[in-house]
Amino acid sequence: MNNTNQNTAEQFIQYLNEENFDKAESCLDPDFKFIGVLGKREGASVYINDMKQMKFKYKILKAFTSGEDVCFWYTIDMGTKEVEASGWYQIKDGKIYTLKVLFDPRPLLKE
């Protein structure tokens, strides 16, 4: 297990929870790519601008690591809804290069 990679991903989550978006962005590679159930984003600043609007809060339930990959099972509080999700963080040279998030979107689509 590479604790450095896990710490980078955990620090990123902590910064998002604290709404410290500048520090959160410093954890991301400038060419960061996000792939999610409801969309994709390319570029660290594009993703962080979205996070500034959404202000999600994360609670890590379990962490798994393999090489430079870190995977969290967590809850995401989206304000009016909370979902259980998995996030796969691919880290290169100490920065998060890609994030893939999976969850069941049906509770969000019922409104």
N, C-alpha and C. Protein backbone atom coordinates (compact mmCIF):
# COMPACT_ATOMS: atom_id res chain seq x y z
N MET A 1 0.85 -1.19 0.00
CA MET A 1 0.00 0.00 0.00
C MET A 1 0.88 1.23 0.00
N ASN A 2 0.55 2.19 -0.83
CA ASN A 2 1.30 3.42 -0.88
C ASN A 2 0.55 4.49 -0.12
N ASN A 3 1.00 4.77 1.11
CA ASN A 3 0.30 5.74 1.94
C ASN A 3 0.34 7.15 1.37
N THR A 4 1.39 7.46 0.60
CA THR A 4 1.48 8.79 0.00
C THR A 4 0.30 9.03 -0.93
N ASN A 5 -0.02 8.04 -1.76
CA ASN A 5 -1.15 8.19 -2.68
C ASN A 5 -2.46 8.29 -1.92
N GLN A 6 -2.65 7.43 -0.91
CA GLN A 6 -3.88 7.50 -0.12
C GLN A 6 -3.97 8.84 0.57
N ASN A 7 -2.85 9.33 1.11
CA ASN A 7 -2.88 10.61 1.80
C ASN A 7 -3.23 11.76 0.85
N THR A 8 -2.75 11.69 -0.38
CA THR A 8 -3.09 12.73 -1.37
C THR A 8 -4.60 12.74 -1.61
N ALA A 9 -5.18 11.58 -1.81
CA ALA A 9 -6.62 11.49 -2.06
C ALA A 9 -7.42 11.89 -0.82
N GLU A 10 -6.99 11.43 0.36
CA GLU A 10 -7.69 11.80 1.59
C GLU A 10 -7.59 13.30 1.86
N GLN A 11 -6.43 13.89 1.60
CA GLN A 11 -6.25 15.32 1.79
C GLN A 11 -7.17 16.10 0.86
N PHE A 12 -7.29 15.63 -0.37
CA PHE A 12 -8.20 16.25 -1.34
C PHE A 12 -9.63 16.26 -0.80
N ILE A 13 -10.07 15.12 -0.29
CA ILE A 13 -11.43 15.02 0.28
C ILE A 13 -11.58 15.98 1.46
N GLN A 14 -10.58 16.04 2.32
CA GLN A 14 -10.64 16.93 3.47
C GLN A 14 -10.77 18.39 3.03
N TYR A 15 -9.98 18.78 2.03
CA TYR A 15 -10.06 20.16 1.53
C TYR A 15 -11.43 20.46 0.95
N LEU A 16 -12.01 19.51 0.21
CA LEU A 16 -13.37 19.72 -0.31
C LEU A 16 -14.37 19.89 0.83
N ASN A 17 -14.26 19.03 1.84
CA ASN A 17 -15.17 19.12 2.99
C ASN A 17 -15.04 20.46 3.71
N GLU A 18 -13.82 21.01 3.76
CA GLU A 18 -13.57 22.29 4.41
C GLU A 18 -13.88 23.48 3.49
N GLU A 19 -14.24 23.19 2.24
CA GLU A 19 -14.47 24.21 1.22
C GLU A 19 -13.23 25.06 0.98
N ASN A 20 -12.07 24.42 1.11
CA ASN A 20 -10.79 25.07 0.81
C ASN A 20 -10.43 24.65 -0.62
N PHE A 21 -11.05 25.30 -1.57
CA PHE A 21 -10.98 24.86 -2.96
C PHE A 21 -9.62 25.11 -3.60
N ASP A 22 -8.89 26.13 -3.15
CA ASP A 22 -7.55 26.35 -3.69
C ASP A 22 -6.63 25.19 -3.32
N LYS A 23 -6.68 24.77 -2.07
CA LYS A 23 -5.85 23.64 -1.65
C LYS A 23 -6.32 22.34 -2.30
N ALA A 24 -7.63 22.19 -2.47
CA ALA A 24 -8.14 21.00 -3.16
C ALA A 24 -7.59 20.95 -4.58
N GLU A 25 -7.61 22.08 -5.26
CA GLU A 25 -7.09 22.11 -6.63
C GLU A 25 -5.60 21.80 -6.67
N SER A 26 -4.86 22.15 -5.62
CA SER A 26 -3.42 21.88 -5.60
C SER A 26 -3.13 20.38 -5.54
N CYS A 27 -4.12 19.56 -5.20
CA CYS A 27 -3.97 18.10 -5.18
C CYS A 27 -4.17 17.49 -6.57
N LEU A 28 -4.68 18.29 -7.50
CA LEU A 28 -5.02 17.79 -8.83
C LEU A 28 -3.96 18.15 -9.86
N ASP A 29 -3.72 17.23 -10.79
CA ASP A 29 -2.90 17.52 -11.95
C ASP A 29 -3.66 18.57 -12.78
N PRO A 30 -2.99 19.54 -13.37
CA PRO A 30 -3.70 20.53 -14.19
C PRO A 30 -4.56 19.91 -15.29
N ASP A 31 -4.14 18.75 -15.81
CA ASP A 31 -4.89 18.06 -16.87
C ASP A 31 -5.86 17.01 -16.30
N PHE A 32 -6.25 17.19 -15.06
CA PHE A 32 -7.17 16.29 -14.36
C PHE A 32 -8.41 15.99 -15.20
N LYS A 33 -8.87 14.73 -15.10
CA LYS A 33 -10.10 14.31 -15.79
C LYS A 33 -11.04 13.66 -14.78
N PHE A 34 -12.30 14.08 -14.81
CA PHE A 34 -13.34 13.50 -13.97
C PHE A 34 -14.33 12.77 -14.87
N ILE A 35 -14.68 11.55 -14.48
CA ILE A 35 -15.70 10.77 -15.18
C ILE A 35 -16.71 10.32 -14.14
N GLY A 36 -17.95 10.76 -14.30
CA GLY A 36 -18.99 10.41 -13.34
C GLY A 36 -20.23 9.88 -14.02
N VAL A 37 -21.17 9.50 -13.22
CA VAL A 37 -22.43 8.93 -13.72
C VAL A 37 -23.21 9.96 -14.54
N LEU A 38 -23.15 11.20 -14.11
CA LEU A 38 -23.97 12.23 -14.75
C LEU A 38 -23.18 13.20 -15.63
N GLY A 39 -21.88 12.91 -15.84
CA GLY A 39 -21.11 13.79 -16.72
C GLY A 39 -19.62 13.62 -16.59
N LYS A 40 -18.90 14.40 -17.40
CA LYS A 40 -17.44 14.39 -17.43
C LYS A 40 -16.94 15.82 -17.35
N ARG A 41 -15.74 15.97 -16.83
CA ARG A 41 -15.08 17.27 -16.79
C ARG A 41 -13.61 17.07 -17.13
N GLU A 42 -13.02 18.04 -17.81
CA GLU A 42 -11.59 18.00 -18.11
C GLU A 42 -10.96 19.29 -17.63
N GLY A 43 -9.88 19.15 -16.86
CA GLY A 43 -9.15 20.30 -16.33
C GLY A 43 -9.45 20.49 -14.85
N ALA A 44 -8.39 20.68 -14.08
CA ALA A 44 -8.53 20.84 -12.63
C ALA A 44 -9.40 22.05 -12.29
N SER A 45 -9.17 23.17 -12.95
CA SER A 45 -9.93 24.38 -12.60
C SER A 45 -11.40 24.25 -12.96
N VAL A 46 -11.72 23.56 -14.06
CA VAL A 46 -13.11 23.35 -14.45
C VAL A 46 -13.83 22.52 -13.37
N TYR A 47 -13.18 21.45 -12.93
CA TYR A 47 -13.76 20.58 -11.91
C TYR A 47 -13.95 21.34 -10.59
N ILE A 48 -12.94 22.07 -10.18
CA ILE A 48 -13.02 22.79 -8.90
C ILE A 48 -14.10 23.87 -8.96
N ASN A 49 -14.26 24.54 -10.09
CA ASN A 49 -15.35 25.52 -10.21
C ASN A 49 -16.71 24.87 -10.00
N ASP A 50 -16.89 23.64 -10.49
CA ASP A 50 -18.13 22.91 -10.24
C ASP A 50 -18.28 22.58 -8.75
N MET A 51 -17.19 22.17 -8.13
CA MET A 51 -17.23 21.81 -6.71
C MET A 51 -17.56 23.02 -5.84
N LYS A 52 -17.10 24.20 -6.25
CA LYS A 52 -17.42 25.43 -5.51
C LYS A 52 -18.92 25.67 -5.50
N GLN A 53 -19.60 25.31 -6.59
CA GLN A 53 -21.05 25.50 -6.68
C GLN A 53 -21.81 24.43 -5.89
N MET A 54 -21.33 23.20 -5.96
CA MET A 54 -22.06 22.07 -5.37
C MET A 54 -21.80 21.88 -3.89
N LYS A 55 -20.58 22.13 -3.43
CA LYS A 55 -20.20 22.04 -2.02
C LYS A 55 -20.58 20.70 -1.39
N PHE A 56 -20.32 19.62 -2.10
CA PHE A 56 -20.58 18.28 -1.57
C PHE A 56 -19.71 18.02 -0.35
N LYS A 57 -20.20 17.17 0.53
CA LYS A 57 -19.45 16.73 1.72
C LYS A 57 -19.31 15.22 1.65
N TYR A 58 -18.11 14.74 1.96
CA TYR A 58 -17.77 13.33 1.82
C TYR A 58 -17.45 12.72 3.17
N LYS A 59 -17.90 11.48 3.35
CA LYS A 59 -17.53 10.71 4.54
C LYS A 59 -16.96 9.38 4.04
N ILE A 60 -15.66 9.21 4.23
CA ILE A 60 -14.99 7.99 3.76
C ILE A 60 -15.34 6.84 4.70
N LEU A 61 -15.85 5.76 4.11
CA LEU A 61 -16.21 4.57 4.88
C LEU A 61 -15.11 3.52 4.81
N LYS A 62 -14.43 3.43 3.66
CA LYS A 62 -13.39 2.42 3.46
C LYS A 62 -12.46 2.89 2.36
N ALA A 63 -11.16 2.59 2.51
CA ALA A 63 -10.17 2.95 1.49
C ALA A 63 -9.44 1.70 1.04
N PHE A 64 -9.16 1.63 -0.26
CA PHE A 64 -8.41 0.53 -0.86
C PHE A 64 -7.32 1.15 -1.72
N THR A 65 -6.13 0.56 -1.71
CA THR A 65 -5.06 1.06 -2.57
C THR A 65 -4.42 -0.09 -3.34
N SER A 66 -3.95 0.26 -4.53
CA SER A 66 -3.20 -0.68 -5.37
C SER A 66 -2.28 0.15 -6.24
N GLY A 67 -0.99 0.07 -5.98
CA GLY A 67 -0.05 0.89 -6.73
C GLY A 67 -0.37 2.35 -6.55
N GLU A 68 -0.55 3.06 -7.66
CA GLU A 68 -0.86 4.48 -7.58
C GLU A 68 -2.37 4.76 -7.55
N ASP A 69 -3.16 3.73 -7.43
CA ASP A 69 -4.61 3.88 -7.40
C ASP A 69 -5.13 3.84 -5.96
N VAL A 70 -6.09 4.71 -5.69
CA VAL A 70 -6.79 4.72 -4.41
C VAL A 70 -8.27 4.68 -4.72
N CYS A 71 -8.99 3.83 -4.01
CA CYS A 71 -10.43 3.73 -4.18
C CYS A 71 -11.10 3.93 -2.83
N PHE A 72 -12.07 4.82 -2.78
CA PHE A 72 -12.84 5.05 -1.56
C PHE A 72 -14.27 4.58 -1.77
N TRP A 73 -14.82 4.00 -0.72
CA TRP A 73 -16.26 3.80 -0.61
C TRP A 73 -16.67 4.89 0.36
N TYR A 74 -17.58 5.78 -0.08
CA TYR A 74 -17.95 6.88 0.79
C TYR A 74 -19.40 7.28 0.58
N THR A 75 -19.87 8.12 1.49
CA THR A 75 -21.16 8.76 1.29
C THR A 75 -20.87 10.18 0.82
N ILE A 76 -21.72 10.65 -0.08
CA ILE A 76 -21.62 12.02 -0.56
C ILE A 76 -22.92 12.73 -0.21
N ASP A 77 -22.79 13.74 0.64
CA ASP A 77 -23.94 14.58 1.01
C ASP A 77 -24.04 15.67 -0.04
N MET A 78 -25.11 15.61 -0.82
CA MET A 78 -25.31 16.55 -1.92
C MET A 78 -26.26 17.68 -1.54
N GLY A 79 -26.46 17.87 -0.26
CA GLY A 79 -27.35 18.94 0.20
C GLY A 79 -28.74 18.43 0.50
N THR A 80 -29.49 18.08 -0.53
CA THR A 80 -30.84 17.56 -0.32
C THR A 80 -30.88 16.04 -0.35
N LYS A 81 -29.83 15.42 -0.86
CA LYS A 81 -29.74 13.96 -0.95
C LYS A 81 -28.36 13.50 -0.51
N GLU A 82 -28.31 12.26 -0.02
CA GLU A 82 -27.03 11.63 0.29
C GLU A 82 -26.98 10.30 -0.45
N VAL A 83 -25.85 10.03 -1.10
CA VAL A 83 -25.70 8.78 -1.85
C VAL A 83 -24.44 8.06 -1.39
N GLU A 84 -24.49 6.73 -1.49
CA GLU A 84 -23.28 5.94 -1.31
C GLU A 84 -22.63 5.82 -2.67
N ALA A 85 -21.30 5.97 -2.69
CA ALA A 85 -20.58 6.00 -3.97
C ALA A 85 -19.21 5.39 -3.80
N SER A 86 -18.59 5.13 -4.95
CA SER A 86 -17.20 4.71 -4.98
C SER A 86 -16.44 5.68 -5.87
N GLY A 87 -15.29 6.11 -5.39
CA GLY A 87 -14.43 7.00 -6.17
C GLY A 87 -13.07 6.35 -6.39
N TRP A 88 -12.65 6.29 -7.64
CA TRP A 88 -11.36 5.69 -8.01
C TRP A 88 -10.43 6.84 -8.41
N TYR A 89 -9.41 7.07 -7.60
CA TYR A 89 -8.45 8.15 -7.79
C TYR A 89 -7.16 7.56 -8.36
N GLN A 90 -6.79 7.99 -9.56
CA GLN A 90 -5.54 7.56 -10.17
C GLN A 90 -4.53 8.70 -9.99
N ILE A 91 -3.44 8.38 -9.31
CA ILE A 91 -2.47 9.39 -8.92
C ILE A 91 -1.18 9.17 -9.68
N LYS A 92 -0.66 10.27 -10.25
CA LYS A 92 0.63 10.24 -10.97
C LYS A 92 1.48 11.39 -10.45
N ASP A 93 2.69 11.07 -10.08
CA ASP A 93 3.64 12.08 -9.59
C ASP A 93 3.05 12.91 -8.45
N GLY A 94 2.32 12.25 -7.55
CA GLY A 94 1.79 12.91 -6.36
C GLY A 94 0.55 13.74 -6.56
N LYS A 95 0.01 13.75 -7.77
CA LYS A 95 -1.21 14.52 -8.06
C LYS A 95 -2.30 13.59 -8.58
N ILE A 96 -3.54 13.92 -8.29
CA ILE A 96 -4.68 13.13 -8.78
C ILE A 96 -4.85 13.46 -10.26
N TYR A 97 -4.71 12.44 -11.10
CA TYR A 97 -4.78 12.62 -12.54
C TYR A 97 -6.18 12.34 -13.08
N THR A 98 -6.81 11.29 -12.58
CA THR A 98 -8.20 11.00 -12.97
C THR A 98 -9.00 10.59 -11.74
N LEU A 99 -10.28 10.86 -11.79
CA LEU A 99 -11.24 10.43 -10.77
C LEU A 99 -12.46 9.89 -11.50
N LYS A 100 -12.81 8.65 -11.16
CA LYS A 100 -14.02 8.04 -11.69
C LYS A 100 -14.93 7.74 -10.50
N VAL A 101 -16.16 8.24 -10.57
CA VAL A 101 -17.11 8.06 -9.48
C VAL A 101 -18.33 7.31 -9.98
N LEU A 102 -18.71 6.28 -9.24
CA LEU A 102 -19.89 5.48 -9.56
C LEU A 102 -20.87 5.51 -8.39
N PHE A 103 -22.15 5.65 -8.72
CA PHE A 103 -23.22 5.54 -7.73
C PHE A 103 -24.52 5.34 -8.48
N ASP A 104 -25.53 4.94 -7.75
CA ASP A 104 -26.86 4.76 -8.33
C ASP A 104 -27.54 6.14 -8.39
N PRO A 105 -27.75 6.70 -9.57
CA PRO A 105 -28.30 8.06 -9.67
C PRO A 105 -29.82 8.13 -9.52
N ARG A 106 -30.50 7.00 -9.45
CA ARG A 106 -31.98 7.04 -9.44
C ARG A 106 -32.57 7.91 -8.35
N PRO A 107 -32.04 7.94 -7.11
CA PRO A 107 -32.63 8.85 -6.11
C PRO A 107 -32.54 10.32 -6.50
N LEU A 108 -31.53 10.69 -7.26
CA LEU A 108 -31.37 12.08 -7.69
C LEU A 108 -32.32 12.44 -8.83
N LEU A 109 -32.72 11.45 -9.60
CA LEU A 109 -33.55 11.69 -10.77
C LEU A 109 -35.06 11.66 -10.47
N LYS A 110 -35.43 11.31 -9.23
CA LYS A 110 -36.84 11.20 -8.86
C LYS A 110 -37.52 12.54 -8.66
N GLU A 111 -36.73 13.61 -8.52
CA GLU A 111 -37.34 14.93 -8.25
C GLU A 111 -37.88 15.59 -9.48
